[in-house]
Amino acid sequence: DSNDDIEDVSLFDADDDVSRRSKKSKIRHPVASFFHLFFRVSAIVVYLLCELLTSSFIACMVTIILLLSCDFWAVKNVTGRLMVGLRWWNQVDDDGRSHWVFEARKVSAQGSKTSSEAESRIFWLGLITCPMIWVIFAFSALFSFKVKWLAVVVMGVVLQGANLYGYVRCKVGSRKNLTSMATNYLGRQFLRQVRFPGFWKPS
C-alpha cells in the first residue's frame, strides 16, 4: 500500500537490569517459552488427531482456530518481546494512514544483547517450523480433496505466517527488502563459486 509508512522504534527496556544478571544459556522466561510452543503445537496435534477424538467437524474447527488465535496473540504481544526482544504491530493515525511499527530491544551498555541464547533458539525454531508444517497440511488437504479442512489449514498458514513475516522484518531491519536480501545472498554464493571453483568439486 502506497499510504503505508514504516517506522522503527526502540523497545522499552524496563527489564534490562534483570536481564544483565542472567546467563545467556539459561531460560529466563520458562512460562513464556512454554506458551510460545504450547498453543501452536496443540493446534497441530488437534488437527492430526481430531478425527480420532470426535466426529464433530465444527468442534475440531473451533478448537483449532481458538488455539491458533491464542498463539497469534501470545507470540505477537508477549513471547516475542520477552524471549528475543522483538515486537511488531500496525496502527492507523488520525489521517487514516497505516503505519507498520517494528520494535527491537536496545543493546546493553556492555554491547551485549540481553536475550537468552536458549530462548532465542526455542523462539525461532517454533516460529519457523510450525508455519512450514501448516503449509504441508495445506498441500495435503488440497491434493486429498479435504475441502472442508482447507479453510482451517489456510487460517493456520495465515496467522502463523504473519507472525513469522513480522518478526523476520524486525530481525533483519524493517526498511530492508527481503527479496533483495535473498538476491544478494544468492549473488554472494555465485561469486564464491566463481572465485573458488575447486571448493565445489568433489575430492
Protein backbone atom coordinates (compact mmCIF):
# COMPACT_ATOMS: atom_id res chain seq x y z
CA ASP A 1 0.00 0.00 0.00
CA SER A 2 1.47 3.31 -1.05
CA ASN A 3 -0.04 5.00 2.01
CA ASP A 4 1.76 2.71 4.41
CA ASP A 5 4.59 4.18 6.43
CA ILE A 6 7.18 2.15 8.25
CA GLU A 7 8.94 3.38 11.35
CA ASP A 8 11.49 1.91 13.71
CA VAL A 9 11.25 2.48 17.44
CA SER A 10 13.22 1.12 20.35
CA LEU A 11 11.59 -1.38 22.66
CA PHE A 12 11.18 -0.19 26.21
CA ASP A 13 13.96 -1.64 28.30
CA ALA A 14 12.35 -1.85 31.72
CA ASP A 15 13.81 -5.29 32.41
CA ASP A 16 17.36 -4.55 31.21
CA ASP A 17 18.82 -4.62 34.73
CA VAL A 18 17.31 -8.02 35.42
CA SER A 19 18.46 -9.46 32.10
CA ARG A 20 22.08 -8.43 32.65
CA ARG A 21 22.24 -10.66 35.72
CA SER A 22 21.07 -13.74 33.82
CA LYS A 23 23.24 -16.10 31.86
CA LYS A 24 22.55 -16.38 28.16
CA SER A 25 22.42 -20.16 28.25
CA LYS A 26 19.53 -20.27 30.75
CA ILE A 27 15.83 -19.95 30.06
CA ARG A 28 14.83 -16.81 31.93
CA HIS A 29 11.15 -16.90 30.96
CA PRO A 30 10.01 -20.54 31.26
CA VAL A 31 6.30 -19.67 31.21
CA ALA A 32 6.65 -17.60 28.03
CA SER A 33 8.79 -20.31 26.44
CA PHE A 34 6.17 -22.92 27.31
CA PHE A 35 3.23 -20.98 25.87
CA HIS A 36 5.27 -19.99 22.81
CA LEU A 37 5.17 -23.67 21.81
CA PHE A 38 2.03 -24.86 23.62
CA PHE A 39 -0.68 -23.19 21.53
CA ARG A 40 0.90 -23.82 18.13
CA VAL A 41 1.88 -27.41 18.87
CA SER A 42 -1.55 -28.08 20.40
CA ALA A 43 -3.26 -26.79 17.24
CA ILE A 44 -1.18 -29.18 15.13
CA VAL A 45 -1.88 -32.13 17.45
CA VAL A 46 -5.62 -31.43 17.47
CA TYR A 47 -5.62 -31.21 13.67
CA LEU A 48 -3.86 -34.57 13.37
CA LEU A 49 -5.98 -36.38 15.98
CA CYS A 50 -9.35 -34.65 15.72
CA GLU A 51 -10.95 -37.35 13.57
CA LEU A 52 -9.93 -39.92 16.17
CA LEU A 53 -11.14 -37.87 19.13
CA THR A 54 -14.52 -36.73 17.83
CA SER A 55 -16.73 -36.94 14.78
CA SER A 56 -17.78 -33.28 15.06
CA PHE A 57 -16.01 -31.17 12.46
CA ILE A 58 -17.36 -27.94 13.99
CA ALA A 59 -15.89 -28.73 17.41
CA CYS A 60 -12.49 -29.51 15.90
CA MET A 61 -12.53 -26.40 13.74
CA VAL A 62 -13.47 -24.10 16.61
CA THR A 63 -10.82 -25.65 18.88
CA ILE A 64 -8.07 -25.30 16.28
CA ILE A 65 -9.00 -21.70 15.43
CA LEU A 66 -9.09 -20.77 19.12
CA LEU A 67 -5.64 -22.30 19.64
CA LEU A 68 -4.28 -20.50 16.56
CA SER A 69 -5.77 -17.19 17.72
CA CYS A 70 -4.30 -17.57 21.21
CA ASP A 71 -0.96 -18.44 19.66
CA PHE A 72 -1.05 -15.41 17.37
CA TRP A 73 -1.79 -13.03 20.23
CA ALA A 74 0.72 -14.58 22.65
CA VAL A 75 3.59 -14.70 20.15
CA LYS A 76 2.90 -11.25 18.73
CA ASN A 77 2.47 -9.42 22.05
CA VAL A 78 4.24 -11.42 24.77
CA THR A 79 6.74 -14.13 23.84
CA GLY A 80 8.50 -12.17 21.11
CA ARG A 81 9.18 -9.27 23.47
CA LEU A 82 10.32 -11.45 26.37
CA MET A 83 12.30 -14.12 24.52
CA VAL A 84 14.07 -12.19 21.74
CA GLY A 85 13.31 -8.53 22.43
CA LEU A 86 11.28 -8.01 19.24
CA ARG A 87 7.76 -6.76 18.67
CA TRP A 88 5.68 -5.55 15.73
CA TRP A 89 2.22 -4.15 15.12
CA ASN A 90 0.17 -1.97 12.79
CA GLN A 91 -1.51 1.26 13.76
CA VAL A 92 -3.65 3.82 11.91
CA ASP A 93 -3.11 7.53 12.56
CA ASP A 94 -5.71 10.30 12.58
CA ASP A 95 -5.28 10.83 8.83
CA GLY A 96 -6.19 7.21 8.14
CA ARG A 97 -2.69 6.21 7.11
CA SER A 98 -1.40 2.78 8.11
CA HIS A 99 1.91 2.52 9.96
CA TRP A 100 3.86 -0.71 10.46
CA VAL A 101 5.93 -0.42 13.62
CA PHE A 102 8.85 -2.76 14.37
CA GLU A 103 10.44 -2.72 17.82
CA ALA A 104 13.82 -4.06 18.86
CA ARG A 105 15.21 -4.15 22.39
CA LYS A 106 18.15 -1.83 22.94
CA VAL A 107 21.63 -3.27 23.23
CA SER A 108 23.03 -3.02 26.75
CA ALA A 109 25.82 -0.64 27.69
CA GLN A 110 28.34 -3.50 27.57
CA GLY A 111 27.41 -4.08 23.92
CA SER A 112 25.81 -7.47 24.51
CA LYS A 113 22.22 -8.36 23.77
CA THR A 114 20.04 -9.31 26.71
CA SER A 115 18.26 -12.23 25.02
CA SER A 116 18.99 -15.73 26.21
CA GLU A 117 20.50 -17.95 23.52
CA ALA A 118 18.39 -20.91 24.64
CA GLU A 119 15.19 -18.85 24.48
CA SER A 120 16.20 -17.45 21.10
CA ARG A 121 16.62 -20.96 19.70
CA ILE A 122 13.24 -22.05 21.07
CA PHE A 123 11.56 -18.93 19.72
CA TRP A 124 12.91 -19.14 16.17
CA LEU A 125 12.58 -22.92 15.95
CA GLY A 126 8.89 -22.75 16.86
CA LEU A 127 8.29 -19.67 14.76
CA ILE A 128 9.75 -21.18 11.58
CA THR A 129 8.87 -24.87 11.90
CA CYS A 130 5.15 -24.65 12.64
CA PRO A 131 4.17 -22.49 9.62
CA MET A 132 6.07 -24.94 7.41
CA ILE A 133 4.01 -27.78 8.88
CA TRP A 134 0.78 -25.89 8.13
CA VAL A 135 1.93 -25.35 4.55
CA ILE A 136 2.44 -29.13 4.26
CA PHE A 137 -1.06 -29.63 5.70
CA ALA A 138 -2.42 -27.19 3.10
CA PHE A 139 -0.96 -29.16 0.19
CA SER A 140 -2.11 -32.42 1.78
CA ALA A 141 -5.69 -31.16 2.20
CA LEU A 142 -5.69 -29.77 -1.33
CA PHE A 143 -4.44 -32.92 -3.04
CA SER A 144 -6.55 -35.26 -0.90
CA PHE A 145 -9.69 -33.17 -1.67
CA LYS A 146 -10.42 -32.44 2.01
CA VAL A 147 -12.07 -29.17 1.11
CA LYS A 148 -13.73 -28.69 4.49
CA TRP A 149 -10.32 -28.69 6.22
CA LEU A 150 -8.76 -26.31 3.74
CA ALA A 151 -10.16 -23.19 5.43
CA VAL A 152 -8.77 -24.31 8.81
CA VAL A 153 -5.35 -25.04 7.34
CA VAL A 154 -5.27 -21.71 5.48
CA MET A 155 -6.06 -19.99 8.79
CA GLY A 156 -3.04 -21.69 10.34
CA VAL A 157 -0.80 -20.64 7.46
CA VAL A 158 -2.01 -17.02 7.57
CA LEU A 159 -1.86 -16.48 11.34
CA GLN A 160 1.48 -18.17 11.93
CA GLY A 161 2.93 -16.89 8.66
CA ALA A 162 2.04 -13.32 9.64
CA ASN A 163 3.99 -13.63 12.88
CA LEU A 164 6.93 -15.17 11.04
CA TYR A 165 6.98 -12.36 8.48
CA GLY A 166 6.67 -9.65 11.14
CA TYR A 167 9.50 -10.99 13.28
CA VAL A 168 11.76 -11.56 10.28
CA ARG A 169 11.22 -7.90 9.38
CA CYS A 170 12.08 -6.96 12.97
CA LYS A 171 15.21 -9.12 12.89
CA VAL A 172 16.69 -8.05 9.56
CA GLY A 173 15.51 -4.44 9.65
CA SER A 174 12.13 -3.05 8.72
CA ARG A 175 13.43 -0.97 5.83
CA LYS A 176 15.25 -3.77 4.07
CA ASN A 177 13.65 -5.52 1.12
CA LEU A 178 13.55 -9.25 1.82
CA THR A 179 13.62 -10.08 -1.90
CA SER A 180 16.77 -8.02 -2.43
CA MET A 181 18.37 -9.70 0.58
CA ALA A 182 17.73 -13.14 -0.91
CA THR A 183 19.09 -11.95 -4.27
CA ASN A 184 22.23 -10.59 -2.64
CA TYR A 185 22.75 -13.87 -0.78
CA LEU A 186 22.46 -15.90 -3.97
CA GLY A 187 24.81 -13.46 -5.69
CA ARG A 188 27.43 -13.92 -2.99
CA GLN A 189 27.16 -17.69 -3.30
CA PHE A 190 27.62 -17.44 -7.07
CA LEU A 191 30.67 -15.18 -6.72
CA ARG A 192 32.11 -17.57 -4.17
CA GLN A 193 31.74 -20.44 -6.62
CA VAL A 194 33.37 -18.42 -9.40
CA ARG A 195 36.22 -17.25 -7.19
CA PHE A 196 36.91 -20.66 -5.67
CA PRO A 197 35.81 -23.21 -8.29
CA GLY A 198 37.85 -26.03 -6.77
CA PHE A 199 35.93 -25.68 -3.49
CA TRP A 200 32.78 -27.12 -5.05
CA LYS A 201 34.49 -30.02 -6.82
CA PRO A 202 34.32 -33.46 -5.20
CA SER A 203 37.60 -34.73 -3.82
